[in-house]
Structure formats: C-alpha cells, structure tokens
PDB file of N, CA and C in Angstrom:
ATOM      1  N   UNK A   1       2.823 -10.207  44.951  1.00  0.00           N
ATOM      2  CA  UNK A   1       3.067 -10.157  46.373  1.00  0.00           C
ATOM      3  C   UNK A   1       4.381  -9.417  46.599  1.00  0.00           C
ATOM      4  N   UNK A   2       4.334  -8.401  47.441  1.00  0.00           N
ATOM      5  CA  UNK A   2       5.494  -7.538  47.664  1.00  0.00           C
ATOM      6  C   UNK A   2       6.678  -8.287  48.270  1.00  0.00           C
ATOM      7  N   UNK A   3       6.419  -9.175  49.214  1.00  0.00           N
ATOM      8  CA  UNK A   3       7.507  -9.906  49.866  1.00  0.00           C
ATOM      9  C   UNK A   3       8.229 -10.823  48.878  1.00  0.00           C
ATOM     10  N   UNK A   4       7.484 -11.494  48.036  1.00  0.00           N
ATOM     11  CA  UNK A   4       8.103 -12.385  47.054  1.00  0.00           C
ATOM     12  C   UNK A   4       8.922 -11.594  46.038  1.00  0.00           C
ATOM     13  N   UNK A   5       8.392 -10.479  45.598  1.00  0.00           N
ATOM     14  CA  UNK A   5       9.137  -9.626  44.676  1.00  0.00           C
ATOM     15  C   UNK A   5      10.424  -9.142  45.327  1.00  0.00           C
ATOM     16  N   UNK A   6      10.331  -8.716  46.585  1.00  0.00           N
ATOM     17  CA  UNK A   6      11.517  -8.276  47.327  1.00  0.00           C
ATOM     18  C   UNK A   6      12.543  -9.404  47.415  1.00  0.00           C
ATOM     19  N   UNK A   7      12.101 -10.603  47.776  1.00  0.00           N
ATOM     20  CA  UNK A   7      13.023 -11.724  47.906  1.00  0.00           C
ATOM     21  C   UNK A   7      13.678 -12.059  46.567  1.00  0.00           C
ATOM     22  N   UNK A   8      12.901 -12.099  45.505  1.00  0.00           N
ATOM     23  CA  UNK A   8      13.457 -12.389  44.184  1.00  0.00           C
ATOM     24  C   UNK A   8      14.496 -11.345  43.786  1.00  0.00           C
ATOM     25  N   UNK A   9      14.268 -10.104  44.161  1.00  0.00           N
ATOM     26  CA  UNK A   9      15.245  -9.046  43.896  1.00  0.00           C
ATOM     27  C   UNK A   9      16.522  -9.282  44.696  1.00  0.00           C
ATOM     28  N   UNK A  10      16.375  -9.719  45.944  1.00  0.00           N
ATOM     29  CA  UNK A  10      17.547 -10.025  46.771  1.00  0.00           C
ATOM     30  C   UNK A  10      18.365 -11.161  46.161  1.00  0.00           C
ATOM     31  N   UNK A  11      17.675 -12.196  45.717  1.00  0.00           N
ATOM     32  CA  UNK A  11      18.353 -13.345  45.107  1.00  0.00           C
ATOM     33  C   UNK A  11      19.085 -12.899  43.845  1.00  0.00           C
ATOM     34  N   UNK A  12      18.440 -12.099  43.040  1.00  0.00           N
ATOM     35  CA  UNK A  12      19.050 -11.629  41.797  1.00  0.00           C
ATOM     36  C   UNK A  12      20.266 -10.744  42.091  1.00  0.00           C
ATOM     37  N   UNK A  13      20.170  -9.877  43.070  1.00  0.00           N
ATOM     38  CA  UNK A  13      21.255  -8.950  43.391  1.00  0.00           C
ATOM     39  C   UNK A  13      22.443  -9.653  44.048  1.00  0.00           C
ATOM     40  N   UNK A  14      22.177 -10.619  44.914  1.00  0.00           N
ATOM     41  CA  UNK A  14      23.235 -11.267  45.683  1.00  0.00           C
ATOM     42  C   UNK A  14      23.754 -12.545  45.047  1.00  0.00           C
ATOM     43  N   UNK A  15      22.938 -13.106  44.180  1.00  0.00           N
ATOM     44  CA  UNK A  15      23.250 -14.417  43.639  1.00  0.00           C
ATOM     45  C   UNK A  15      22.532 -15.476  44.460  1.00  0.00           C
ATOM     46  N   UNK A  16      22.135 -16.540  43.801  1.00  0.00           N
ATOM     47  CA  UNK A  16      21.331 -17.582  44.441  1.00  0.00           C
ATOM     48  C   UNK A  16      22.037 -18.190  45.649  1.00  0.00           C
ATOM     49  N   UNK A  17      23.289 -18.588  45.485  1.00  0.00           N
ATOM     50  CA  UNK A  17      24.005 -19.251  46.582  1.00  0.00           C
ATOM     51  C   UNK A  17      24.165 -18.334  47.790  1.00  0.00           C
ATOM     52  N   UNK A  18      24.505 -17.080  47.548  1.00  0.00           N
ATOM     53  CA  UNK A  18      24.679 -16.132  48.653  1.00  0.00           C
ATOM     54  C   UNK A  18      23.353 -15.869  49.366  1.00  0.00           C
ATOM     55  N   UNK A  19      22.288 -15.755  48.593  1.00  0.00           N
ATOM     56  CA  UNK A  19      20.982 -15.466  49.195  1.00  0.00           C
ATOM     57  C   UNK A  19      20.500 -16.626  50.056  1.00  0.00           C
ATOM     58  N   UNK A  20      20.579 -17.834  49.531  1.00  0.00           N
ATOM     59  CA  UNK A  20      20.086 -18.962  50.328  1.00  0.00           C
ATOM     60  C   UNK A  20      21.058 -19.353  51.436  1.00  0.00           C
ATOM     61  N   UNK A  21      22.310 -18.904  51.338  1.00  0.00           N
ATOM     62  CA  UNK A  21      23.301 -19.210  52.363  1.00  0.00           C
ATOM     63  C   UNK A  21      23.403 -18.167  53.455  1.00  0.00           C
ATOM     64  N   UNK A  22      22.613 -17.111  53.359  1.00  0.00           N
ATOM     65  CA  UNK A  22      22.708 -16.040  54.343  1.00  0.00           C
ATOM     66  C   UNK A  22      22.187 -16.527  55.698  1.00  0.00           C
ATOM     67  N   UNK A  23      22.781 -16.007  56.751  1.00  0.00           N
ATOM     68  CA  UNK A  23      22.371 -16.405  58.101  1.00  0.00           C
ATOM     69  C   UNK A  23      20.980 -15.861  58.409  1.00  0.00           C
ATOM     70  N   UNK A  24      20.355 -16.471  59.403  1.00  0.00           N
ATOM     71  CA  UNK A  24      19.034 -16.011  59.829  1.00  0.00           C
ATOM     72  C   UNK A  24      19.113 -14.560  60.303  1.00  0.00           C
ATOM     73  N   UNK A  25      20.163 -14.223  61.044  1.00  0.00           N
ATOM     74  CA  UNK A  25      20.306 -12.859  61.557  1.00  0.00           C
ATOM     75  C   UNK A  25      20.406 -11.849  60.414  1.00  0.00           C
ATOM     76  N   UNK A  26      21.171 -12.174  59.377  1.00  0.00           N
ATOM     77  CA  UNK A  26      21.297 -11.274  58.226  1.00  0.00           C
ATOM     78  C   UNK A  26      19.970 -11.149  57.484  1.00  0.00           C
ATOM     79  N   UNK A  27      19.287 -12.278  57.288  1.00  0.00           N
ATOM     80  CA  UNK A  27      17.994 -12.257  56.606  1.00  0.00           C
ATOM     81  C   UNK A  27      16.989 -11.431  57.398  1.00  0.00           C
ATOM     82  N   UNK A  28      16.950 -11.655  58.693  1.00  0.00           N
ATOM     83  CA  UNK A  28      16.013 -10.934  59.547  1.00  0.00           C
ATOM     84  C   UNK A  28      16.290  -9.428  59.515  1.00  0.00           C
ATOM     85  N   UNK A  29      17.563  -9.038  59.536  1.00  0.00           N
ATOM     86  CA  UNK A  29      17.915  -7.620  59.478  1.00  0.00           C
ATOM     87  C   UNK A  29      17.434  -6.990  58.172  1.00  0.00           C
ATOM     88  N   UNK A  30      17.616  -7.690  57.058  1.00  0.00           N
ATOM     89  CA  UNK A  30      17.141  -7.186  55.768  1.00  0.00           C
ATOM     90  C   UNK A  30      15.618  -7.059  55.758  1.00  0.00           C
ATOM     91  N   UNK A  31      14.964  -8.060  56.299  1.00  0.00           N
ATOM     92  CA  UNK A  31      13.503  -8.081  56.333  1.00  0.00           C
ATOM     93  C   UNK A  31      12.951  -6.932  57.181  1.00  0.00           C
ATOM     94  N   UNK A  32      13.525  -6.741  58.348  1.00  0.00           N
ATOM     95  CA  UNK A  32      13.088  -5.655  59.229  1.00  0.00           C
ATOM     96  C   UNK A  32      13.324  -4.310  58.552  1.00  0.00           C
ATOM     97  N   UNK A  33      14.489  -4.154  57.936  1.00  0.00           N
ATOM     98  CA  UNK A  33      14.807  -2.899  57.251  1.00  0.00           C
ATOM     99  C   UNK A  33      13.797  -2.586  56.147  1.00  0.00           C
ATOM    100  N   UNK A  34      13.368  -3.613  55.446  1.00  0.00           N
ATOM    101  CA  UNK A  34      12.462  -3.415  54.311  1.00  0.00           C
ATOM    102  C   UNK A  34      10.999  -3.254  54.722  1.00  0.00           C
ATOM    103  N   UNK A  35      10.547  -4.041  55.689  1.00  0.00           N
ATOM    104  CA  UNK A  35       9.105  -4.133  55.940  1.00  0.00           C
ATOM    105  C   UNK A  35       8.622  -3.593  57.280  1.00  0.00           C
ATOM    106  N   UNK A  36       9.519  -3.293  58.198  1.00  0.00           N
ATOM    107  CA  UNK A  36       9.072  -2.819  59.507  1.00  0.00           C
ATOM    108  C   UNK A  36       9.327  -1.322  59.596  1.00  0.00           C
ATOM    109  N   UNK A  37       8.303  -0.515  59.746  1.00  0.00           N
ATOM    110  CA  UNK A  37       8.472   0.943  59.772  1.00  0.00           C
ATOM    111  C   UNK A  37       9.426   1.385  60.887  1.00  0.00           C
ATOM    112  N   UNK A  38      10.307   2.312  60.574  1.00  0.00           N
ATOM    113  CA  UNK A  38      11.311   2.745  61.545  1.00  0.00           C
ATOM    114  C   UNK A  38      10.675   3.344  62.794  1.00  0.00           C
ATOM    115  N   UNK A  39       9.558   4.052  62.653  1.00  0.00           N
ATOM    116  CA  UNK A  39       8.911   4.617  63.838  1.00  0.00           C
ATOM    117  C   UNK A  39       8.368   3.518  64.751  1.00  0.00           C
ATOM    118  N   UNK A  40       7.909   2.421  64.185  1.00  0.00           N
ATOM    119  CA  UNK A  40       7.445   1.298  65.005  1.00  0.00           C
ATOM    120  C   UNK A  40       8.621   0.622  65.706  1.00  0.00           C
ATOM    121  N   UNK A  41       9.750   0.519  65.024  1.00  0.00           N
ATOM    122  CA  UNK A  41      10.945  -0.078  65.626  1.00  0.00           C
ATOM    123  C   UNK A  41      11.422   0.789  66.789  1.00  0.00           C
ATOM    124  N   UNK A  42      11.425   2.101  66.610  1.00  0.00           N
ATOM    125  CA  UNK A  42      11.826   3.008  67.685  1.00  0.00           C
ATOM    126  C   UNK A  42      10.892   2.876  68.885  1.00  0.00           C
ATOM    127  N   UNK A  43       9.605   2.766  68.629  1.00  0.00           N
ATOM    128  CA  UNK A  43       8.632   2.604  69.712  1.00  0.00           C
ATOM    129  C   UNK A  43       8.885   1.294  70.455  1.00  0.00           C
ATOM    130  N   UNK A  44       9.113   0.233  69.716  1.00  0.00           N
ATOM    131  CA  UNK A  44       9.381  -1.063  70.325  1.00  0.00           C
ATOM    132  C   UNK A  44      10.647  -1.011  71.175  1.00  0.00           C
ATOM    133  N   UNK A  45      11.695  -0.379  70.654  1.00  0.00           N
ATOM    134  CA  UNK A  45      12.950  -0.275  71.395  1.00  0.00           C
ATOM    135  C   UNK A  45      12.791   0.572  72.653  1.00  0.00           C
ATOM    136  N   UNK A  46      12.000   1.627  72.588  1.00  0.00           N
ATOM    137  CA  UNK A  46      11.830   2.490  73.760  1.00  0.00           C
ATOM    138  C   UNK A  46      10.972   1.820  74.834  1.00  0.00           C
ATOM    139  N   UNK A  47      10.102   0.900  74.437  1.00  0.00           N
ATOM    140  CA  UNK A  47       9.270   0.184  75.400  1.00  0.00           C
ATOM    141  C   UNK A  47      10.082  -0.801  76.230  1.00  0.00           C
ATOM    142  N   UNK A  48      11.223  -1.206  75.710  1.00  0.00           N
ATOM    143  CA  UNK A  48      12.055  -2.168  76.427  1.00  0.00           C
ATOM    144  C   UNK A  48      13.336  -1.509  76.735  1.00  0.00           C
TER     145      UNK A  48
END
C-alpha cells in the first residue's frame, strides 16, 4: 500500500517521536503534497 509505505518512510526519516508528535496541520500538508495532484489543488483553489 503506497500510503503505508510513505508513512513508514516519514517515520524513518523524522524519527518515531517526531513523526507521531507532528501537528495535524503539518501532517495534512505533507499528505496533500504527496498524494493530491497540484493541478487539482490549483483547480480547487481557483473555485473558491
């Protein structure tokens, strides 16, 4: 599963405590950057 692999990589790169201690906003930003296509984000932003 791509999401689990991505998360495990984040934990390994940041360290367990830092990864699980990250704020929701930081986690969400990483998730959007990785999995949400930039053209879709631009479309969403232009609609609002």
